[in-house]
Amino acid sequence: MTHPFLGIRPLSVQRFGPGEALADPQPGDFILTHNPSWSAKLVQIGQRLRYHGADSKYAYWNHTALIVDEQGHIIEALGSGIAQTQLAKYTPTEYHVVHIDASVEDRQEAVNFARACIGQHYGWLTIVSIALSLLTGTKFSFGFDGQQICSGLVARALERSTAIFRPEPSHIMPAYLAKYYQVNPEEDTPVADTLKPSALSSVAS
């Protein structure tokens, strides 16, 4: 039996072109962007094998990271491992910020999870598992505890909010997150009135 795709609408999505920057980062939101590393390029190649037709637009992104404080720190899975870096590093390129619809408590849980993952290894075996799944159609997946790819890290953090993912979260790709949150690379959506930064200020940094 084929299950319908589950998705959720974010509060809003903002697009930032090269040279533009988010003025008020909020913990628990996440970004979709482009990473020039070869691991991210492998992810994008895999996405293009799975996302076709109307869904092909979601393969536009190959990297994602979670915003963890109002100072613009992010946590991301890189080839060298999971680390805390700065959103400002992506100012030279384009990125979209997804403002999730979640409580202060849920946002804090997402941030806490991501911070607990700092220092873990990149999920190279997960990449192999995803590749085999894409090429053969098998549902079997494998990987090591303590290893994650960028989108798997963000998906597992977002599960601490209202997100419910059908695939194994550790194997989710950036394109899946884009489709789940209905992020269109051709659209630039202003921040919704329902997003109130002051209501989120109690999320610990």
Protein backbone atom coordinates (compact mmCIF):
# COMPACT_ATOMS: atom_id res chain seq x y z
CA MET A 1 0.00 0.00 0.00
CA THR A 2 1.32 3.44 -0.99
CA HIS A 3 1.03 6.03 1.74
CA PRO A 4 0.42 9.69 0.85
CA PHE A 5 3.34 12.01 1.39
CA LEU A 6 3.12 13.76 4.74
CA GLY A 7 4.18 17.38 4.88
CA ILE A 8 3.78 20.43 7.05
CA ARG A 9 3.61 24.15 6.39
CA PRO A 10 6.27 26.26 8.11
CA LEU A 11 5.47 29.67 9.54
CA SER A 12 7.38 31.14 6.63
CA VAL A 13 10.39 30.77 4.37
CA GLN A 14 12.92 33.48 3.59
CA ARG A 15 15.36 33.46 0.68
CA PHE A 16 18.72 35.19 0.99
CA GLY A 17 20.82 35.78 -2.10
CA PRO A 18 24.62 36.11 -2.14
CA GLY A 19 25.65 38.97 0.15
CA GLU A 20 22.36 39.00 2.06
CA ALA A 21 22.06 37.86 5.66
CA LEU A 22 19.38 36.88 8.16
CA ALA A 23 19.00 39.66 10.73
CA ASP A 24 17.20 37.77 13.49
CA PRO A 25 18.13 34.07 13.59
CA GLN A 26 15.85 31.99 15.81
CA PRO A 27 16.88 28.73 17.51
CA GLY A 28 15.18 25.68 16.00
CA ASP A 29 14.80 27.10 12.50
CA PHE A 30 16.97 25.59 9.77
CA ILE A 31 18.56 26.50 6.47
CA LEU A 32 18.69 24.85 3.07
CA THR A 33 21.72 25.83 1.03
CA HIS A 34 24.57 24.68 -1.20
CA ASN A 35 27.81 23.17 0.04
CA PRO A 36 30.68 22.78 -2.46
CA SER A 37 32.10 19.71 -0.71
CA TRP A 38 32.15 16.48 -2.66
CA SER A 39 30.05 14.73 0.00
CA ALA A 40 27.28 17.30 -0.53
CA LYS A 41 27.59 16.87 -4.28
CA LEU A 42 27.13 13.10 -3.84
CA VAL A 43 23.93 13.83 -1.90
CA GLN A 44 22.67 16.03 -4.72
CA ILE A 45 23.40 13.37 -7.34
CA GLY A 46 21.43 10.87 -5.28
CA GLN A 47 18.53 13.29 -4.90
CA ARG A 48 18.27 13.69 -8.66
CA LEU A 49 17.84 9.93 -8.96
CA ARG A 50 14.81 10.03 -6.66
CA TYR A 51 13.11 13.37 -7.29
CA HIS A 52 11.62 13.68 -10.77
CA GLY A 53 9.04 15.79 -12.58
CA ALA A 54 7.34 18.33 -10.36
CA ASP A 55 9.46 17.19 -7.42
CA SER A 56 12.79 17.75 -9.20
CA LYS A 57 12.92 21.34 -7.88
CA TYR A 58 13.49 20.00 -4.37
CA ALA A 59 16.83 18.49 -5.43
CA TYR A 60 18.09 22.07 -5.81
CA TRP A 61 19.64 22.03 -2.33
CA ASN A 62 22.41 19.70 -1.16
CA HIS A 63 23.01 20.88 2.41
CA THR A 64 21.11 21.85 5.55
CA ALA A 65 21.96 23.04 9.05
CA LEU A 66 20.10 23.87 12.28
CA ILE A 67 20.15 27.38 13.76
CA VAL A 68 20.89 27.06 17.47
CA ASP A 69 20.93 30.59 18.88
CA GLU A 70 20.11 34.23 18.18
CA GLN A 71 23.77 34.98 17.47
CA GLY A 72 23.58 32.97 14.26
CA HIS A 73 25.43 29.83 15.32
CA ILE A 74 24.47 26.71 13.40
CA ILE A 75 25.20 23.03 13.90
CA GLU A 76 25.88 21.02 10.76
CA ALA A 77 27.29 17.70 9.66
CA LEU A 78 30.37 18.21 7.52
CA GLY A 79 32.84 15.76 6.05
CA SER A 80 35.06 16.38 9.07
CA GLY A 81 32.21 15.66 11.50
CA ILE A 82 29.39 17.45 13.30
CA ALA A 83 30.37 20.92 14.44
CA GLN A 84 29.04 24.29 15.50
CA THR A 85 29.81 26.99 12.97
CA GLN A 86 28.35 30.34 11.90
CA LEU A 87 25.48 31.04 9.50
CA ALA A 88 27.58 33.94 8.18
CA LYS A 89 29.80 31.44 6.36
CA TYR A 90 26.95 31.00 3.83
CA THR A 91 26.53 34.73 3.13
CA PRO A 92 28.53 34.44 -0.14
CA THR A 93 26.02 31.91 -1.46
CA GLU A 94 22.25 31.55 -1.51
CA TYR A 95 20.25 29.99 1.29
CA HIS A 96 16.66 29.67 2.45
CA VAL A 97 15.66 29.91 6.10
CA VAL A 98 12.73 27.73 7.14
CA HIS A 99 10.92 29.20 10.15
CA ILE A 100 9.26 26.18 11.75
CA ASP A 101 5.94 26.28 13.58
CA ALA A 102 7.00 25.05 17.01
CA SER A 103 6.82 26.03 20.65
CA VAL A 104 9.74 27.49 22.59
CA GLU A 105 10.08 24.18 24.42
CA ASP A 106 10.18 22.13 21.21
CA ARG A 107 12.75 24.48 19.70
CA GLN A 108 14.91 24.06 22.77
CA GLU A 109 14.66 20.26 22.51
CA ALA A 110 15.78 20.42 18.86
CA VAL A 111 18.74 22.61 19.80
CA ASN A 112 19.66 20.37 22.73
CA PHE A 113 19.67 17.31 20.48
CA ALA A 114 21.89 18.97 17.88
CA ARG A 115 24.34 20.16 20.52
CA ALA A 116 24.54 16.63 21.94
CA CYS A 117 25.70 15.44 18.50
CA ILE A 118 28.69 17.81 18.24
CA GLY A 119 31.86 15.80 17.74
CA GLN A 120 30.17 12.83 16.07
CA HIS A 121 31.52 11.55 12.75
CA TYR A 122 30.02 12.20 9.34
CA GLY A 123 27.75 9.36 8.18
CA TRP A 124 29.74 8.02 5.25
CA LEU A 125 28.17 4.58 5.65
CA THR A 126 24.75 6.24 5.59
CA ILE A 127 25.66 7.76 2.21
CA VAL A 128 26.51 4.26 0.95
CA SER A 129 23.20 2.94 2.31
CA ILE A 130 21.22 5.73 0.61
CA ALA A 131 23.06 5.13 -2.67
CA LEU A 132 22.25 1.41 -2.62
CA SER A 133 18.62 2.17 -1.82
CA LEU A 134 18.38 4.62 -4.74
CA LEU A 135 20.06 2.27 -7.20
CA THR A 136 18.30 -0.95 -6.21
CA GLY A 137 14.99 0.21 -4.73
CA THR A 138 15.58 -1.76 -1.55
CA LYS A 139 14.12 -0.45 1.72
CA PHE A 140 16.98 -1.94 3.72
CA SER A 141 19.15 0.70 5.40
CA PHE A 142 22.22 0.62 7.58
CA GLY A 143 24.67 2.90 9.34
CA PHE A 144 26.63 3.37 12.54
CA ASP A 145 25.43 4.96 15.76
CA GLY A 146 27.16 8.29 16.32
CA GLN A 147 27.40 9.06 12.59
CA GLN A 148 25.05 11.34 10.68
CA ILE A 149 24.72 13.25 7.42
CA CYS A 150 23.61 16.89 7.38
CA SER A 151 19.92 16.32 6.64
CA GLY A 152 19.71 13.32 8.95
CA LEU A 153 21.01 15.46 11.80
CA VAL A 154 18.48 18.23 11.11
CA ALA A 155 15.61 15.75 10.64
CA ARG A 156 16.35 14.02 13.95
CA ALA A 157 16.46 17.40 15.68
CA LEU A 158 13.18 18.49 14.06
CA GLU A 159 11.50 15.33 15.33
CA ARG A 160 11.67 17.03 18.72
CA SER A 161 9.07 19.48 17.34
CA THR A 162 5.87 18.65 15.43
CA ALA A 163 7.62 16.96 12.50
CA ILE A 164 6.70 13.37 11.69
CA PHE A 165 8.81 11.74 8.98
CA ARG A 166 7.92 8.48 7.20
CA PRO A 167 11.49 7.55 6.17
CA GLU A 168 14.17 6.67 8.65
CA PRO A 169 15.22 10.19 9.80
CA SER A 170 18.94 9.42 9.64
CA HIS A 171 18.55 8.68 5.89
CA ILE A 172 16.52 11.78 4.99
CA MET A 173 18.07 14.01 2.33
CA PRO A 174 17.84 17.83 1.99
CA ALA A 175 15.34 17.44 -0.86
CA TYR A 176 12.97 15.54 1.42
CA LEU A 177 13.08 18.34 4.00
CA ALA A 178 12.42 20.88 1.25
CA LYS A 179 9.38 18.94 0.06
CA TYR A 180 8.14 18.22 3.58
CA TYR A 181 8.23 21.92 4.47
CA GLN A 182 7.07 23.02 0.99
CA VAL A 183 10.14 25.13 0.24
CA ASN A 184 10.08 26.25 -3.38
CA PRO A 185 13.48 27.48 -4.63
CA GLU A 186 11.73 29.87 -7.00
CA GLU A 187 9.76 31.65 -4.29
CA ASP A 188 10.74 34.30 -1.76
CA THR A 189 8.24 34.31 1.10
CA PRO A 190 8.34 37.13 3.67
CA VAL A 191 8.27 36.37 7.37
CA ALA A 192 4.72 35.65 8.52
CA ASP A 193 3.09 37.88 11.11
CA THR A 194 2.71 34.79 13.28
CA LEU A 195 6.47 34.60 13.74
CA LYS A 196 7.18 36.58 16.89
CA PRO A 197 10.89 36.60 17.76
CA SER A 198 10.15 37.95 21.22
CA ALA A 199 8.18 34.79 22.00
CA LEU A 200 11.24 32.72 21.16
CA SER A 201 13.79 34.71 23.10
CA SER A 202 13.61 32.40 26.09
CA VAL A 203 15.25 29.57 24.16
CA ALA A 204 18.60 29.21 25.86
CA SER A 205 21.72 29.94 23.85
